[in-house]
Protein backbone atom coordinates (compact mmCIF):
# COMPACT_ATOMS: atom_id res chain seq x y z
CA MET A 1 -0.79 -21.56 -41.83
CA THR A 2 -3.00 -19.65 -44.44
CA GLN A 3 -3.96 -16.13 -43.40
CA PRO A 4 -7.14 -16.37 -42.39
CA PHE A 5 -6.41 -19.14 -39.75
CA GLN A 6 -3.43 -16.87 -38.68
CA ALA A 7 -5.50 -13.74 -38.01
CA LEU A 8 -8.03 -16.24 -36.12
CA ALA A 9 -5.02 -17.43 -34.27
CA ASN A 10 -4.11 -13.87 -33.66
CA ARG A 11 -7.38 -12.85 -32.29
CA HIS A 12 -7.37 -16.15 -30.24
CA GLU A 13 -3.94 -15.26 -28.62
CA ALA A 14 -5.05 -11.65 -27.99
CA ALA A 15 -8.17 -12.67 -26.31
CA SER A 16 -6.45 -15.05 -23.98
CA SER A 17 -3.83 -12.99 -22.74
CA ARG A 18 -6.16 -9.94 -22.07
CA LYS A 19 -6.47 -9.62 -18.16
CA SER A 20 -9.86 -10.49 -16.42
CA ILE A 21 -11.29 -9.21 -13.21
CA LEU A 22 -14.15 -10.61 -11.00
CA VAL A 23 -16.25 -7.98 -9.42
CA VAL A 24 -18.13 -9.30 -6.63
CA ALA A 25 -21.15 -7.14 -6.24
CA ASP A 26 -24.41 -6.08 -7.68
CA GLN A 27 -23.28 -3.32 -10.50
CA LYS A 28 -25.42 -0.76 -8.87
CA ILE A 29 -23.42 -1.05 -5.56
CA ASN A 30 -20.60 0.72 -6.89
CA SER A 31 -21.22 2.89 -10.20
CA MET A 32 -18.14 4.74 -10.23
CA LEU A 33 -16.02 1.35 -10.26
CA VAL A 34 -18.05 -0.03 -13.13
CA THR A 35 -17.73 2.95 -15.33
CA ASN A 36 -14.06 2.93 -14.70
CA LEU A 37 -13.59 -0.82 -15.34
CA ALA A 38 -16.10 -0.28 -18.56
CA LYS A 39 -13.43 1.99 -19.95
CA SER A 40 -10.76 -0.35 -19.44
CA ASP A 41 -9.16 -3.01 -21.80
CA TRP A 42 -9.91 -5.90 -19.35
CA ASP A 43 -12.30 -8.84 -19.23
CA VAL A 44 -14.76 -8.03 -16.32
CA GLU A 45 -17.46 -10.17 -15.00
CA TYR A 46 -19.52 -9.94 -12.01
CA ALA A 47 -20.98 -12.13 -9.27
CA GLY A 48 -23.86 -11.02 -7.09
CA ASN A 49 -22.33 -12.67 -3.96
CA ASN A 50 -19.33 -14.63 -2.27
CA ASP A 51 -21.22 -17.71 -3.22
CA GLY A 52 -21.67 -16.91 -6.83
CA ALA A 53 -18.02 -15.86 -7.20
CA LEU A 54 -17.15 -19.13 -5.79
CA SER A 55 -19.05 -20.80 -8.30
CA LEU A 56 -17.51 -19.09 -11.14
CA LEU A 57 -13.87 -19.55 -9.54
CA ALA A 58 -14.47 -23.51 -9.69
CA GLY A 59 -14.16 -23.60 -13.17
CA ARG A 60 -12.07 -20.37 -14.06
CA LYS A 61 -9.26 -18.42 -13.10
CA PHE A 62 -9.30 -14.43 -12.74
CA ASP A 63 -6.17 -12.08 -12.47
CA LEU A 64 -8.05 -9.96 -9.70
CA ILE A 65 -10.94 -10.30 -7.57
CA VAL A 66 -12.47 -7.11 -6.41
CA THR A 67 -14.90 -7.74 -3.43
CA SER A 68 -18.09 -6.08 -2.62
CA GLU A 69 -18.72 -3.24 -0.16
CA GLY A 70 -22.00 -4.67 0.82
CA THR A 71 -19.92 -7.48 2.68
CA SER A 72 -17.65 -7.45 5.69
CA ALA A 73 -13.98 -7.20 5.74
CA LYS A 74 -14.08 -10.79 7.87
CA GLN A 75 -16.43 -12.26 4.92
CA ASP A 76 -14.19 -11.03 2.43
CA VAL A 77 -11.01 -12.60 4.24
CA GLU A 78 -13.06 -16.00 4.19
CA LEU A 79 -13.63 -15.85 0.78
CA LEU A 80 -9.91 -15.18 0.25
CA ARG A 81 -9.09 -18.01 2.21
CA GLN A 82 -11.70 -20.39 0.02
CA ILE A 83 -10.52 -19.02 -3.11
CA ARG A 84 -6.66 -19.89 -2.26
CA ARG A 85 -7.48 -23.29 -1.90
CA ILE A 86 -8.40 -23.28 -5.54
CA HIS A 87 -6.46 -20.63 -7.01
CA PRO A 88 -3.35 -20.03 -4.41
CA HIS A 89 -1.82 -16.92 -6.04
CA THR A 90 -5.21 -14.97 -7.08
CA ARG A 91 -5.09 -11.30 -6.16
CA MET A 92 -7.86 -9.63 -4.17
CA ILE A 93 -8.60 -6.20 -3.34
CA ILE A 94 -10.98 -5.98 -0.42
CA LEU A 95 -13.83 -3.16 -0.38
CA THR A 96 -15.86 -2.78 2.60
CA ASP A 97 -17.90 -0.10 4.60
CA GLU A 98 -15.78 -0.42 7.47
CA SER A 99 -13.00 -1.98 9.08
CA THR A 100 -11.06 -2.75 12.11
CA PRO A 101 -7.34 -2.71 12.71
CA GLN A 102 -8.00 -6.63 13.53
CA ASP A 103 -9.45 -6.94 9.89
CA VAL A 104 -6.38 -5.44 8.32
CA VAL A 105 -4.04 -7.80 10.14
CA ALA A 106 -6.16 -10.78 8.79
CA ALA A 107 -6.31 -9.37 5.34
CA LEU A 108 -2.37 -9.00 5.74
CA ARG A 109 -1.92 -12.66 6.72
CA GLU A 110 -4.03 -13.89 4.02
CA ARG A 111 -1.94 -11.85 1.57
CA ALA A 112 -4.83 -9.94 0.22
CA PHE A 113 -3.58 -7.56 -2.59
CA SER A 114 -4.96 -4.35 -0.86
CA MET A 115 -8.08 -3.15 1.29
CA PHE A 116 -10.11 -0.02 1.13
CA SER A 117 -12.71 1.09 3.58
CA LYS A 118 -15.00 4.22 2.93
CA PRO A 119 -14.56 6.90 2.47
CA TYR A 120 -11.73 6.48 -0.23
CA SER A 121 -10.75 7.65 -3.72
CA SER A 122 -12.02 6.19 -6.65
CA ASP A 123 -8.72 7.46 -8.31
CA VAL A 124 -6.72 5.82 -5.46
CA LEU A 125 -8.45 2.42 -5.84
CA PHE A 126 -8.31 2.08 -9.99
CA GLU A 127 -4.93 3.02 -9.44
CA MET A 128 -4.43 0.04 -7.15
CA ILE A 129 -6.37 -2.10 -9.54
CA ARG A 130 -4.46 -1.31 -12.51
CA ARG A 131 -1.07 -2.27 -10.69
CA ALA A 132 -2.79 -5.65 -9.42
CA VAL A 133 -3.72 -6.30 -13.18
CA GLU A 134 -1.31 -5.24 -14.97
CA GLU A 135 2.15 -4.71 -13.01
CA PRO A 136 4.76 -7.52 -12.26
CA CYS A 137 4.66 -7.59 -8.61
CA TRP A 138 3.89 -10.52 -6.30
CA ASP A 139 1.15 -10.34 -3.64
CA ASP A 140 3.59 -12.02 -0.97
CA GLY A 141 5.73 -8.96 -0.57
CA ILE A 142 4.45 -8.14 2.75
CA GLU A 143 4.95 -10.64 5.67
CA VAL A 144 3.55 -10.34 8.89
CA ILE A 145 5.99 -11.21 11.77
CA SER A 146 3.70 -10.72 14.60
CA ALA A 147 0.61 -8.46 15.06
CA THR A 148 -1.92 -7.30 17.58
CA PRO A 149 -4.34 -4.47 17.07
CA ASN A 150 -1.68 -2.15 18.87
CA TRP A 151 1.57 -3.63 17.94
CA ILE A 152 2.54 -4.97 14.42
CA GLN A 153 5.67 -6.05 12.84
CA LEU A 154 6.42 -6.68 9.30
CA ILE A 155 9.10 -7.10 6.75
CA VAL A 156 8.44 -5.63 3.13
CA ARG A 157 10.05 -6.12 -0.03
CA CYS A 158 12.12 -3.41 -1.56
CA GLU A 159 9.96 -2.44 -4.48
CA LEU A 160 7.79 0.65 -5.26
CA GLY A 161 4.80 -1.34 -5.98
CA THR A 162 4.72 -3.16 -2.54
CA ALA A 163 5.62 0.21 -0.93
CA GLU A 164 2.57 1.59 -2.39
CA ARG A 165 0.46 -1.68 -1.30
CA LEU A 166 1.66 -1.38 2.21
CA LEU A 167 0.86 2.54 2.51
CA GLN A 168 -2.71 1.57 1.68
CA PHE A 169 -2.70 -0.90 4.48
CA PHE A 170 -1.02 1.52 6.57
CA MET A 171 -3.69 4.17 6.31
CA GLU A 172 -6.60 1.45 6.91
CA PHE A 173 -4.73 0.13 10.35
CA VAL A 174 -4.07 3.67 11.93
CA GLU A 175 -7.02 4.78 14.13
CA LEU A 176 -6.31 8.33 14.54
CA PRO A 177 -8.20 11.39 13.45
CA ASP A 178 -8.09 12.31 9.81
CA GLU A 179 -5.22 15.13 10.29
CA GLU A 180 -2.95 13.23 12.40
CA LYS A 181 -3.43 10.23 10.21
CA ASN A 182 -2.50 12.19 7.11
CA LYS A 183 0.68 13.50 8.78
CA VAL A 184 1.83 9.97 10.09
CA GLY A 185 1.21 8.80 6.73
CA TYR A 186 2.93 11.28 4.86
CA ALA A 187 6.15 11.05 7.22
CA PHE A 188 5.86 7.33 7.01
CA ARG A 189 5.85 7.13 3.20
CA GLU A 190 8.76 9.51 3.09
CA MET A 191 10.85 7.16 5.21
CA LEU A 192 9.99 3.94 3.63
CA LEU A 193 10.62 5.14 0.20
CA ASN A 194 14.11 6.79 1.37
CA ALA A 195 14.86 3.42 3.15
CA MET A 196 14.17 1.37 -0.18
CA ARG A 197 15.73 4.02 -2.58
CA HIS A 198 18.82 4.62 -0.47
CA GLY A 199 19.13 1.73 1.51
CA ALA A 200 18.45 -0.97 -0.86
CA GLY A 201 18.31 0.65 -4.37
CA PHE A 202 14.96 -0.58 -4.88
CA ASP A 203 16.42 -4.30 -4.93
CA PRO A 204 13.50 -6.58 -4.81
CA THR A 205 15.74 -9.39 -3.38
CA GLN A 206 16.27 -6.97 -0.03
CA TYR A 207 13.68 -6.47 2.53
CA VAL A 208 12.75 -3.34 5.02
CA GLU A 209 11.60 -4.17 8.60
CA ILE A 210 8.62 -2.40 9.67
CA SER A 211 7.01 -1.90 13.08
CA TYR A 212 3.99 0.03 14.18
CA LEU A 213 3.03 0.80 18.06
CA LYS A 214 0.15 2.80 19.18
CA ALA A 215 0.06 3.35 22.76
CA ARG A 216 -2.30 5.48 25.08
CA HIS A 217 -0.61 8.93 24.14
CA VAL A 218 1.77 8.05 21.24
CA VAL A 219 2.00 6.28 17.82
CA ALA A 220 5.18 5.45 16.61
CA CYS A 221 6.47 3.97 13.43
CA ARG A 222 9.87 2.14 13.14
CA VAL A 223 11.37 1.86 9.61
CA LYS A 224 14.84 -0.16 9.26
CA ASP A 225 16.49 -0.64 5.90
CA PRO A 226 19.43 -3.35 5.10
CA GLY A 227 21.87 -0.67 4.12
CA ARG A 228 24.98 0.46 5.73
CA GLY A 229 23.34 3.59 6.68
CA PHE A 230 24.43 7.34 6.42
CA SER A 231 24.78 10.36 8.68
CA LEU A 232 22.17 12.89 8.43
CA ASN A 233 24.80 16.01 8.71
CA GLU A 234 26.32 14.58 5.43
CA LEU A 235 22.95 14.77 3.43
CA TYR A 236 23.85 17.83 1.40
CA HIS A 237 21.58 16.95 -1.24
CA ALA A 238 18.40 17.18 1.54
CA ALA A 239 16.83 20.38 2.77
CA ILE A 240 17.01 18.95 6.27
CA THR A 241 21.06 20.27 6.31
CA ASN A 242 20.73 23.46 4.88
CA PRO A 243 21.94 26.12 6.92
CA ILE A 244 19.51 28.96 8.44
CA ASP A 245 20.77 31.73 6.15
CA ASN A 246 20.95 29.47 3.09
CA PRO A 247 17.50 27.48 2.68
CA VAL A 248 17.72 26.35 -0.43
CA ARG A 249 21.40 25.38 -0.77
CA HIS A 250 20.77 21.71 -1.31
CA MET A 251 19.44 22.26 -4.58
CA MET A 252 22.84 23.51 -5.80
CA TYR A 253 24.17 20.00 -4.52
CA ARG A 254 21.24 18.28 -6.30
CA GLU A 255 21.88 19.98 -9.68
CA ALA A 256 25.55 19.21 -9.23
CA SER A 257 24.68 15.49 -8.83
CA GLY A 258 22.28 15.30 -11.42
CA LEU A 259 19.68 14.75 -8.84
CA PRO A 260 15.98 15.93 -9.80
CA PRO A 261 14.50 18.78 -7.86
CA GLY A 262 13.23 17.79 -4.14
CA GLY A 263 15.10 16.65 -1.31
CA TYR A 264 12.42 18.12 1.32
CA GLY A 265 10.92 14.47 2.32
CA ILE A 266 12.97 14.51 5.65
CA LEU A 267 12.47 18.24 6.45
CA LEU A 268 8.78 18.18 5.78
CA SER A 269 8.60 14.77 7.73
CA ARG A 270 10.12 16.06 10.70
CA HIS A 271 7.49 18.64 10.89
CA ALA A 272 4.53 16.11 10.14
CA VAL A 273 5.57 14.37 13.54
CA ASP A 274 6.58 15.27 16.80
CA GLU A 275 9.92 12.96 16.64
CA LEU A 276 11.92 11.98 14.02
CA ILE A 277 14.99 9.94 15.65
CA TYR A 278 17.50 7.81 13.73
CA ASN A 279 20.13 5.59 15.24
CA GLU A 280 23.81 5.92 14.86
CA GLN A 281 24.41 4.12 11.58
CA GLY A 282 21.61 6.06 10.06
CA ASN A 283 19.76 2.87 8.78
CA GLU A 284 16.89 2.85 11.26
CA VAL A 285 14.37 5.76 12.15
CA LEU A 286 11.68 5.99 14.49
CA LEU A 287 8.64 8.42 14.17
CA MET A 288 6.65 9.40 16.94
CA LYS A 289 3.21 11.05 16.86
CA TYR A 290 2.08 12.41 20.40
CA LEU A 291 -1.59 12.21 21.05
CA TYR A 292 -2.88 14.83 23.19
CA PRO A 293 -6.36 13.39 25.15
CA PRO A 294 -8.48 16.58 26.26
CA THR A 295 -8.18 17.55 29.87
CA PRO A 296 -11.00 17.41 32.35
CA GLU A 297 -11.42 21.08 31.83
CA GLU A 298 -11.67 20.88 27.94
CA PRO A 299 -14.79 19.80 26.19
CA HIS A 300 -14.83 16.16 24.49
């Protein structure tokens, strides 16, 4: 092949390998998203509405679809169902003004890649878009076993990207005041990553079992990993086992084992929720956060 033709072929190959995103929104709706996408190396196109998106998708495949805040979560889940008939493995991130636990369950069942309702961080959203476009993770790593608005059971593939996706869905699903939600979310994240890291070694062929339950006066999260478990008293590299008179003892063990600084996850999680209970084997943990409704004498 001559040099000019080789250069042309190289340009064509580079263009064809570029990742593509379809944003289903008027460009004025989410100017921050448009600005961030404009700085990327991806090919970005816009469709004014869901019908326009379907028309484009009839003749072309995109690596990611991002929906509009102007449509409801129900409409976007229905759009995802229709897209799956054409392109079964297309990834979608749903943006919406507001959602309900039922909407989040529906998005999980249809294997949406992620979901954001207002208010949300544009940085967190853009990082999720980057994961969806660039990382070699599947969109089927979260499987719904059973789900109602008050009780959801999942199995989740043991890989970091899937954990981050689940955490975003978790924050959308949990109906709590912001302070309590952030505390429960922090504790859940620590226990989930511990389960994947220590219980499964981030082996993507392994799965963690997750349950979330909301009753009238309590929220509970159960995390069960596939590992053999451990004894909490033997976690010398974790701050939770430090004696009262030596609150940094675990740092010596971490340094001797070549571990990076840290080890505070379980300790901080215990302070973030009201109960942190391990089973006998140490491969299953239950987080509980009590909800204290105002008494008749207290203002609502």
